[in-house]
C-alpha atoms as a PDB file:
ATOM      1  CA  MET A   1       1.428   2.785  -5.741  1.00  0.00           C
ATOM      2  CA  ILE A   2       3.421   5.970  -6.289  1.00  0.00           C
ATOM      3  CA  THR A   3       7.208   5.951  -6.294  1.00  0.00           C
ATOM      4  CA  GLY A   4       8.919   9.160  -5.271  1.00  0.00           C
ATOM      5  CA  GLY A   5       5.719   9.962  -3.427  1.00  0.00           C
ATOM      6  CA  SER A   6       6.980  11.839  -0.388  1.00  0.00           C
ATOM      7  CA  SER A   7       7.165  15.316  -1.959  1.00  0.00           C
ATOM      8  CA  GLY A   8       6.726  17.416  -5.086  1.00  0.00           C
ATOM      9  CA  ILE A   9       4.809  15.918  -7.989  1.00  0.00           C
ATOM     10  CA  GLY A  10       4.525  12.542  -6.278  1.00  0.00           C
ATOM     11  CA  ALA A  11       2.848  13.973  -3.181  1.00  0.00           C
ATOM     12  CA  ALA A  12       0.555  16.170  -5.300  1.00  0.00           C
ATOM     13  CA  MET A  13      -0.604  13.166  -7.331  1.00  0.00           C
ATOM     14  CA  ALA A  14      -1.109  11.160  -4.151  1.00  0.00           C
ATOM     15  CA  LYS A  15      -3.278  13.918  -2.670  1.00  0.00           C
ATOM     16  CA  ALA A  16      -5.424  14.090  -5.819  1.00  0.00           C
ATOM     17  CA  LEU A  17      -5.977  10.328  -5.809  1.00  0.00           C
ATOM     18  CA  LEU A  18      -6.621  10.125  -2.071  1.00  0.00           C
ATOM     19  CA  GLU A  19      -9.234  12.860  -2.345  1.00  0.00           C
ATOM     20  CA  GLN A  20     -11.055  10.691  -4.878  1.00  0.00           C
ATOM     21  CA  GLY A  21     -11.150   7.755  -2.462  1.00  0.00           C
ATOM     22  CA  ALA A  22      -8.110   5.813  -3.594  1.00  0.00           C
ATOM     23  CA  ARG A  23      -5.926   3.855  -1.212  1.00  0.00           C
ATOM     24  CA  VAL A  24      -2.327   4.819  -1.915  1.00  0.00           C
ATOM     25  CA  ALA A  25       1.052   3.268  -1.168  1.00  0.00           C
ATOM     26  CA  LEU A  26       3.644   6.054  -0.974  1.00  0.00           C
ATOM     27  CA  CYS A  27       7.127   4.815  -1.815  1.00  0.00           C
ATOM     28  CA  ALA A  28      10.355   6.672  -1.134  1.00  0.00           C
ATOM     29  CA  ARG A  29      13.734   6.178   0.398  1.00  0.00           C
ATOM     30  CA  GLY A  30      13.422   6.212   4.170  1.00  0.00           C
ATOM     31  CA  GLY A  31      13.540   9.477   6.065  1.00  0.00           C
ATOM     32  CA  THR A  32      11.550  12.126   7.844  1.00  0.00           C
ATOM     33  CA  ARG A  33      10.027  13.444   4.616  1.00  0.00           C
ATOM     34  CA  LEU A  34       8.165  10.195   3.921  1.00  0.00           C
ATOM     35  CA  THR A  35       7.071   9.925   7.558  1.00  0.00           C
ATOM     36  CA  THR A  36       5.858  13.517   7.641  1.00  0.00           C
ATOM     37  CA  THR A  37       3.938  13.252   4.361  1.00  0.00           C
ATOM     38  CA  VAL A  38       2.233  10.003   5.349  1.00  0.00           C
ATOM     39  CA  ARG A  39       1.337  11.399   8.778  1.00  0.00           C
ATOM     40  CA  HIS A  40      -0.159  14.489   7.125  1.00  0.00           C
ATOM     41  CA  PHE A  41      -2.357  12.421   4.806  1.00  0.00           C
ATOM     42  CA  ALA A  42      -3.360   9.995   7.552  1.00  0.00           C
ATOM     43  CA  SER A  43      -4.406  12.870   9.811  1.00  0.00           C
ATOM     44  CA  SER A  44      -7.009  13.758   7.189  1.00  0.00           C
ATOM     45  CA  GLY A  45      -8.432  10.254   7.304  1.00  0.00           C
ATOM     46  CA  PHE A  46      -6.844   9.024   4.071  1.00  0.00           C
ATOM     47  CA  ASP A  47      -5.783   5.387   3.614  1.00  0.00           C
ATOM     48  CA  VAL A  48      -2.075   5.671   2.891  1.00  0.00           C
ATOM     49  CA  LEU A  49       0.673   3.090   3.290  1.00  0.00           C
ATOM     50  CA  PRO A  50       4.338   4.137   3.621  1.00  0.00           C
ATOM     51  CA  ILE A  51       6.874   1.980   1.795  1.00  0.00           C
ATOM     52  CA  GLU A  52      10.585   2.605   2.352  1.00  0.00           C
ATOM     53  CA  MET A  53      12.152   1.544  -0.918  1.00  0.00           C
ATOM     54  CA  ASP A  54      15.132   2.469  -3.055  1.00  0.00           C
ATOM     55  CA  VAL A  55      14.018   1.943  -6.659  1.00  0.00           C
ATOM     56  CA  ARG A  56      17.622   1.250  -7.675  1.00  0.00           C
ATOM     57  CA  ASP A  57      17.681  -1.945  -5.610  1.00  0.00           C
ATOM     58  CA  ALA A  58      15.827  -4.890  -7.167  1.00  0.00           C
ATOM     59  CA  ASP A  59      15.491  -6.714  -3.847  1.00  0.00           C
ATOM     60  CA  GLU A  60      14.067  -3.646  -2.086  1.00  0.00           C
ATOM     61  CA  VAL A  61      11.645  -3.133  -4.958  1.00  0.00           C
ATOM     62  CA  GLU A  62      10.404  -6.713  -4.773  1.00  0.00           C
ATOM     63  CA  ARG A  63       9.940  -6.458  -1.006  1.00  0.00           C
ATOM     64  CA  GLY A  64       8.121  -3.149  -1.393  1.00  0.00           C
ATOM     65  CA  VAL A  65       5.752  -4.453  -4.051  1.00  0.00           C
ATOM     66  CA  THR A  66       5.081  -7.581  -2.004  1.00  0.00           C
ATOM     67  CA  ARG A  67       4.237  -5.387   0.988  1.00  0.00           C
ATOM     68  CA  VAL A  68       1.732  -3.409  -1.109  1.00  0.00           C
ATOM     69  CA  TYR A  69      -0.022  -6.588  -2.218  1.00  0.00           C
ATOM     70  CA  GLU A  70      -0.037  -7.980   1.313  1.00  0.00           C
ATOM     71  CA  HIS A  71      -1.612  -4.794   2.660  1.00  0.00           C
ATOM     72  CA  PHE A  72      -4.105  -3.928  -0.094  1.00  0.00           C
ATOM     73  CA  GLY A  73      -4.680  -7.339  -1.668  1.00  0.00           C
ATOM     74  CA  GLU A  74      -4.390  -5.982  -5.213  1.00  0.00           C
ATOM     75  CA  LEU A  75      -2.702  -3.166  -7.098  1.00  0.00           C
ATOM     76  CA  ASP A  76      -4.688  -1.329  -9.755  1.00  0.00           C
ATOM     77  CA  VAL A  77      -2.288   1.498 -10.614  1.00  0.00           C
ATOM     78  CA  LEU A  78       1.471   2.006 -10.588  1.00  0.00           C
ATOM     79  CA  VAL A  79       2.768   5.563 -10.945  1.00  0.00           C
ATOM     80  CA  ASN A  80       6.479   5.452 -11.787  1.00  0.00           C
ATOM     81  CA  ASN A  81       7.645   8.851 -10.591  1.00  0.00           C
ATOM     82  CA  ALA A  82      10.813   8.471  -8.507  1.00  0.00           C
ATOM     83  CA  GLY A  83      13.671  10.494  -9.876  1.00  0.00           C
ATOM     84  CA  ILE A  84      16.658  12.667  -9.124  1.00  0.00           C
ATOM     85  CA  GLY A  85      17.567  15.748 -11.117  1.00  0.00           C
ATOM     86  CA  MET A  86      20.467  17.860 -12.233  1.00  0.00           C
ATOM     87  CA  ARG A  87      21.162  19.183  -8.734  1.00  0.00           C
ATOM     88  CA  THR A  88      22.760  15.839  -7.883  1.00  0.00           C
ATOM     89  CA  VAL A  89      25.469  16.266 -10.517  1.00  0.00           C
ATOM     90  CA  ASN A  90      25.691  20.070 -10.778  1.00  0.00           C
ATOM     91  CA  PRO A  91      24.032  22.236  -8.080  1.00  0.00           C
ATOM     92  CA  ARG A  92      24.371  25.310 -10.335  1.00  0.00           C
ATOM     93  CA  PHE A  93      23.089  23.694 -13.509  1.00  0.00           C
ATOM     94  CA  PHE A  94      21.017  26.726 -14.511  1.00  0.00           C
ATOM     95  CA  GLU A  95      23.744  29.323 -14.081  1.00  0.00           C
ATOM     96  CA  GLU A  96      26.776  27.201 -14.986  1.00  0.00           C
ATOM     97  CA  PRO A  97      25.726  24.223 -17.138  1.00  0.00           C
ATOM     98  CA  LEU A  98      28.381  21.542 -17.521  1.00  0.00           C
ATOM     99  CA  PRO A  99      29.241  20.037 -20.910  1.00  0.00           C
ATOM    100  CA  PHE A 100      28.651  16.297 -20.944  1.00  0.00           C
ATOM    101  CA  TRP A 101      32.338  15.394 -20.701  1.00  0.00           C
ATOM    102  CA  LYS A 102      32.649  17.196 -17.379  1.00  0.00           C
ATOM    103  CA  VAL A 103      29.729  15.422 -15.714  1.00  0.00           C
ATOM    104  CA  PRO A 104      30.998  13.162 -12.904  1.00  0.00           C
ATOM    105  CA  VAL A 105      30.744   9.511 -13.908  1.00  0.00           C
ATOM    106  CA  GLU A 106      29.194   8.445 -10.601  1.00  0.00           C
ATOM    107  CA  GLY A 107      26.628  11.234 -10.879  1.00  0.00           C
ATOM    108  CA  PHE A 108      25.713  10.072 -14.378  1.00  0.00           C
ATOM    109  CA  ARG A 109      25.289   6.502 -13.189  1.00  0.00           C
ATOM    110  CA  ALA A 110      23.190   7.512 -10.171  1.00  0.00           C
ATOM    111  CA  VAL A 111      20.700   9.462 -12.299  1.00  0.00           C
ATOM    112  CA  ILE A 112      20.360   6.682 -14.877  1.00  0.00           C
ATOM    113  CA  ALA A 113      19.991   4.078 -12.118  1.00  0.00           C
ATOM    114  CA  THR A 114      17.155   6.034 -10.499  1.00  0.00           C
ATOM    115  CA  ASN A 115      15.317   7.591 -13.432  1.00  0.00           C
ATOM    116  CA  LEU A 116      15.559   4.727 -15.911  1.00  0.00           C
ATOM    117  CA  THR A 117      16.569   1.487 -14.203  1.00  0.00           C
ATOM    118  CA  GLY A 118      14.298   2.341 -11.274  1.00  0.00           C
ATOM    119  CA  TYR A 119      11.298   2.694 -13.589  1.00  0.00           C
ATOM    120  CA  TYR A 120      12.175  -0.658 -15.169  1.00  0.00           C
ATOM    121  CA  LEU A 121      12.629  -2.497 -11.862  1.00  0.00           C
ATOM    122  CA  VAL A 122       9.328  -1.351 -10.350  1.00  0.00           C
ATOM    123  CA  ALA A 123       7.361  -2.000 -13.547  1.00  0.00           C
ATOM    124  CA  ARG A 124       9.043  -5.394 -13.845  1.00  0.00           C
ATOM    125  CA  ALA A 125       7.951  -6.298 -10.321  1.00  0.00           C
ATOM    126  CA  VAL A 126       4.263  -5.393 -10.708  1.00  0.00           C
ATOM    127  CA  THR A 127       3.593  -6.349 -14.336  1.00  0.00           C
ATOM    128  CA  PRO A 128       3.413 -10.163 -13.995  1.00  0.00           C
ATOM    129  CA  ARG A 129       0.852  -9.776 -11.209  1.00  0.00           C
ATOM    130  CA  MET A 130      -1.213  -7.347 -13.285  1.00  0.00           C
ATOM    131  CA  VAL A 131      -1.046  -9.555 -16.370  1.00  0.00           C
ATOM    132  CA  ALA A 132      -2.143 -12.590 -14.352  1.00  0.00           C
ATOM    133  CA  ARG A 133      -5.133 -10.573 -13.133  1.00  0.00           C
ATOM    134  CA  GLY A 134      -5.881  -9.259 -16.627  1.00  0.00           C
ATOM    135  CA  SER A 135      -5.966  -5.588 -15.646  1.00  0.00           C
ATOM    136  CA  GLY A 136      -3.799  -2.763 -14.410  1.00  0.00           C
ATOM    137  CA  LYS A 137      -2.549   0.704 -15.264  1.00  0.00           C
ATOM    138  CA  ILE A 138       1.060   1.844 -15.354  1.00  0.00           C
ATOM    139  CA  ILE A 139       1.740   5.572 -15.604  1.00  0.00           C
ATOM    140  CA  MET A 140       5.251   6.769 -16.385  1.00  0.00           C
ATOM    141  CA  ILE A 141       6.058  10.355 -15.347  1.00  0.00           C
ATOM    142  CA  SER A 142       8.275  12.260 -17.777  1.00  0.00           C
ATOM    143  CA  ILE A 143       9.402  15.732 -18.895  1.00  0.00           C
ATOM    144  CA  ASN A 144       9.219  17.981 -21.971  1.00  0.00           C
ATOM    145  CA  HIS A 145      11.154  16.996 -25.071  1.00  0.00           C
ATOM    146  CA  GLU A 146      12.913  20.374 -24.887  1.00  0.00           C
ATOM    147  CA  THR A 147      14.314  19.500 -21.463  1.00  0.00           C
ATOM    148  CA  MET A 148      15.527  16.120 -22.678  1.00  0.00           C
ATOM    149  CA  VAL A 149      17.905  17.798 -25.126  1.00  0.00           C
ATOM    150  CA  ARG A 150      18.658  21.018 -23.260  1.00  0.00           C
ATOM    151  CA  GLN A 151      22.290  22.120 -23.108  1.00  0.00           C
ATOM    152  CA  GLY A 152      23.896  21.093 -19.842  1.00  0.00           C
ATOM    153  CA  PHE A 153      21.196  18.545 -18.993  1.00  0.00           C
ATOM    154  CA  VAL A 154      23.292  15.372 -19.137  1.00  0.00           C
ATOM    155  CA  PRO A 155      22.348  12.968 -17.624  1.00  0.00           C
ATOM    156  CA  TYR A 156      18.832  14.055 -16.570  1.00  0.00           C
ATOM    157  CA  GLY A 157      17.539  14.724 -20.086  1.00  0.00           C
ATOM    158  CA  PRO A 158      18.765  11.427 -21.547  1.00  0.00           C
ATOM    159  CA  SER A 159      17.455   9.495 -18.538  1.00  0.00           C
ATOM    160  CA  ARG A 160      13.914  10.737 -19.151  1.00  0.00           C
ATOM    161  CA  ALA A 161      14.161  10.290 -22.920  1.00  0.00           C
ATOM    162  CA  ALA A 162      15.115   6.686 -22.301  1.00  0.00           C
ATOM    163  CA  SER A 163      12.258   6.193 -19.843  1.00  0.00           C
ATOM    164  CA  GLU A 164       9.801   7.395 -22.501  1.00  0.00           C
ATOM    165  CA  ALA A 165      11.214   4.880 -24.958  1.00  0.00           C
ATOM    166  CA  LEU A 166      10.805   2.248 -22.246  1.00  0.00           C
ATOM    167  CA  ALA A 167       7.172   3.281 -21.755  1.00  0.00           C
ATOM    168  CA  ASP A 168       6.450   3.033 -25.486  1.00  0.00           C
ATOM    169  CA  ILE A 169       7.898  -0.466 -25.679  1.00  0.00           C
ATOM    170  CA  MET A 170       6.097  -1.566 -22.526  1.00  0.00           C
ATOM    171  CA  ALA A 171       2.787  -0.377 -24.000  1.00  0.00           C
ATOM    172  CA  LYS A 172       3.413  -2.454 -27.127  1.00  0.00           C
ATOM    173  CA  ASP A 173       4.537  -5.512 -25.164  1.00  0.00           C
ATOM    174  CA  LEU A 174       1.402  -5.349 -22.996  1.00  0.00           C
ATOM    175  CA  ASP A 175      -1.093  -4.665 -25.780  1.00  0.00           C
ATOM    176  CA  GLY A 176      -4.027  -7.037 -25.434  1.00  0.00           C
ATOM    177  CA  THR A 177      -3.212  -8.125 -21.864  1.00  0.00           C
ATOM    178  CA  GLY A 178      -5.582  -5.708 -20.134  1.00  0.00           C
ATOM    179  CA  VAL A 179      -2.625  -3.788 -18.711  1.00  0.00           C
ATOM    180  CA  THR A 180      -1.992  -0.324 -20.131  1.00  0.00           C
ATOM    181  CA  VAL A 181       1.019   1.995 -20.066  1.00  0.00           C
ATOM    182  CA  ASN A 182       0.805   5.743 -20.589  1.00  0.00           C
ATOM    183  CA  THR A 183       3.220   8.640 -20.140  1.00  0.00           C
ATOM    184  CA  LEU A 184       2.310  11.809 -18.236  1.00  0.00           C
ATOM    185  CA  LEU A 185       4.314  15.022 -17.886  1.00  0.00           C
ATOM    186  CA  PRO A 186       3.579  18.458 -16.427  1.00  0.00           C
ATOM    187  CA  GLY A 187       4.253  20.529 -19.566  1.00  0.00           C
ATOM    188  CA  GLY A 188       6.898  22.868 -18.211  1.00  0.00           C
ATOM    189  CA  ILE A 189       9.284  23.499 -15.345  1.00  0.00           C
ATOM    190  CA  THR A 190       7.508  22.498 -12.165  1.00  0.00           C
ATOM    191  CA  MET A 191       8.124  23.811  -8.662  1.00  0.00           C
ATOM    192  CA  THR A 192       9.704  20.825  -6.939  1.00  0.00           C
ATOM    193  CA  GLY A 193      12.817  20.130  -4.918  1.00  0.00           C
ATOM    194  CA  MET A 194      14.731  19.641  -8.168  1.00  0.00           C
ATOM    195  CA  ILE A 195      14.789  23.422  -8.673  1.00  0.00           C
ATOM    196  CA  PRO A 196      17.582  25.095  -6.683  1.00  0.00           C
ATOM    197  CA  GLU A 197      16.448  27.618  -4.087  1.00  0.00           C
ATOM    198  CA  ASP A 198      18.780  30.219  -5.594  1.00  0.00           C
ATOM    199  CA  SER A 199      17.476  29.742  -9.150  1.00  0.00           C
ATOM    200  CA  PRO A 200      16.447  32.905 -11.060  1.00  0.00           C
ATOM    201  CA  GLU A 201      13.301  34.506  -9.691  1.00  0.00           C
ATOM    202  CA  GLU A 202      11.710  34.710 -13.136  1.00  0.00           C
ATOM    203  CA  LEU A 203      12.128  30.956 -13.505  1.00  0.00           C
ATOM    204  CA  ARG A 204      10.545  30.246 -10.139  1.00  0.00           C
ATOM    205  CA  ALA A 205       7.685  32.630 -10.890  1.00  0.00           C
ATOM    206  CA  ALA A 206       6.937  30.854 -14.169  1.00  0.00           C
ATOM    207  CA  ALA A 207       7.163  27.334 -12.756  1.00  0.00           C
ATOM    208  CA  LEU A 208       4.028  25.199 -12.731  1.00  0.00           C
ATOM    209  CA  PRO A 209       2.550  24.058  -9.404  1.00  0.00           C
ATOM    210  CA  PRO A 210       2.832  20.292  -8.772  1.00  0.00           C
ATOM    211  CA  GLU A 211      -0.969  20.193  -8.414  1.00  0.00           C
ATOM    212  CA  ILE A 212      -1.287  20.516 -12.197  1.00  0.00           C
ATOM    213  CA  MET A 213      -0.768  16.745 -12.299  1.00  0.00           C
ATOM    214  CA  GLY A 214      -3.937  16.126 -10.267  1.00  0.00           C
ATOM    215  CA  PRO A 215      -6.679  16.021 -12.931  1.00  0.00           C
ATOM    216  CA  PRO A 216      -4.773  13.865 -15.458  1.00  0.00           C
ATOM    217  CA  ILE A 217      -3.534  11.378 -12.855  1.00  0.00           C
ATOM    218  CA  VAL A 218      -7.069  10.951 -11.513  1.00  0.00           C
ATOM    219  CA  PHE A 219      -8.328  10.357 -15.045  1.00  0.00           C
ATOM    220  CA  LEU A 220      -5.598   7.861 -15.892  1.00  0.00           C
ATOM    221  CA  ALA A 221      -6.205   5.945 -12.667  1.00  0.00           C
ATOM    222  CA  SER A 222      -9.980   5.805 -13.214  1.00  0.00           C
ATOM    223  CA  ASP A 223     -12.264   3.604 -15.294  1.00  0.00           C
ATOM    224  CA  ALA A 224     -12.673   6.557 -17.682  1.00  0.00           C
ATOM    225  CA  SER A 225      -9.245   5.775 -19.145  1.00  0.00           C
ATOM    226  CA  HIS A 226     -10.074   2.120 -19.807  1.00  0.00           C
ATOM    227  CA  GLY A 227      -8.394   0.903 -22.993  1.00  0.00           C
ATOM    228  CA  ILE A 228      -6.194   3.971 -23.467  1.00  0.00           C
ATOM    229  CA  ASN A 229      -2.675   2.681 -24.065  1.00  0.00           C
ATOM    230  CA  GLY A 230       0.598   4.141 -25.340  1.00  0.00           C
ATOM    231  CA  GLU A 231      -0.436   7.797 -24.990  1.00  0.00           C
ATOM    232  CA  ARG A 232       1.791  10.754 -24.061  1.00  0.00           C
ATOM    233  CA  ILE A 233      -0.276  13.233 -22.069  1.00  0.00           C
ATOM    234  CA  VAL A 234       0.845  16.759 -21.179  1.00  0.00           C
ATOM    235  CA  ALA A 235      -0.880  18.066 -18.049  1.00  0.00           C
ATOM    236  CA  THR A 236      -1.094  21.649 -19.307  1.00  0.00           C
ATOM    237  CA  ASP A 237      -2.947  20.371 -22.381  1.00  0.00           C
ATOM    238  CA  PHE A 238      -4.991  17.719 -20.580  1.00  0.00           C
ATOM    239  CA  ASP A 239      -8.443  19.214 -21.153  1.00  0.00           C
ATOM    240  CA  SER A 240      -7.947  19.597 -24.916  1.00  0.00           C
ATOM    241  CA  TRP A 241      -6.317  16.150 -25.158  1.00  0.00           C
ATOM    242  CA  ARG A 242      -9.220  14.530 -23.326  1.00  0.00           C
ATOM    243  CA  THR A 243     -11.821  16.275 -25.484  1.00  0.00           C
ATOM    244  CA  ALA A 244     -10.034  15.177 -28.660  1.00  0.00           C
ATOM    245  CA  LYS A 245      -9.801  11.613 -27.328  1.00  0.00           C
ATOM    246  CA  GLN A 246     -13.510  11.548 -26.498  1.00  0.00           C
ATOM    247  CA  VAL A 247     -14.368  12.756 -30.007  1.00  0.00           C
ATOM    248  CA  ALA A 248     -12.101  10.120 -31.534  1.00  0.00           C
ATOM    249  CA  ARG A 249     -13.774   7.409 -29.483  1.00  0.00           C
ATOM    250  CA  GLY A 250     -17.243   8.661 -30.414  1.00  0.00           C
ATOM    251  CA  LEU A 251     -18.091   9.644 -26.852  1.00  0.00           C
ATOM    252  CA  THR A 252     -18.941  13.241 -27.667  1.00  0.00           C
ATOM    253  CA  ALA A 253     -19.655  15.418 -30.676  1.00  0.00           C
ATOM    254  CA  PRO A 254     -16.744  17.350 -32.234  1.00  0.00           C
END
């Protein structure tokens, strides 16, 4: 189950998992983007279920999660990815960053409600079912620490910093239950709809492709990540992180 799965990083992670044989529920607010993405995957023979769901609404989240369980029977992996960025509060946030006191209050609340409360609500809905089963993986998508504290990045930066704190606490709360929680981030600015079309060309040229999230999300969703809990994994460093983890677990020679 991937929230924010209709485009960008969410769609790239879905594609990587589908190509490995996973059945995927794609969750997003209703619209042509979700329909188009699901139709594209289905045309390739992939098993994908569209879920129209606003992660800010607890009732919609519960209905969406229930629909996933009704359709698939079980849920092995939740990828908390849905989010909105700085464009929603300041369309020119790169060229003309706003100081925090000039950020519209409603814009601040909308970002926090989506990027933090949304993560909480979806995790809250699936966790009791996973705990009862004794297994499950929750993956929380995040951003670089530098972005969290970047000038002009209120409220996006704080929303993701808070979601990482949430992930850390969730991992501790779930320790020993068979359910794990890990954080995954690209490792740099990523080419998604959060980047304005008129952003500097040098920034767009340096941006990471969303597909960089493919290998680590496949690993975290697989049996190979069994028992790994409370980790913060950067996609650009995934290979070196995985090698170090294998050495630490005695699975390979240093």
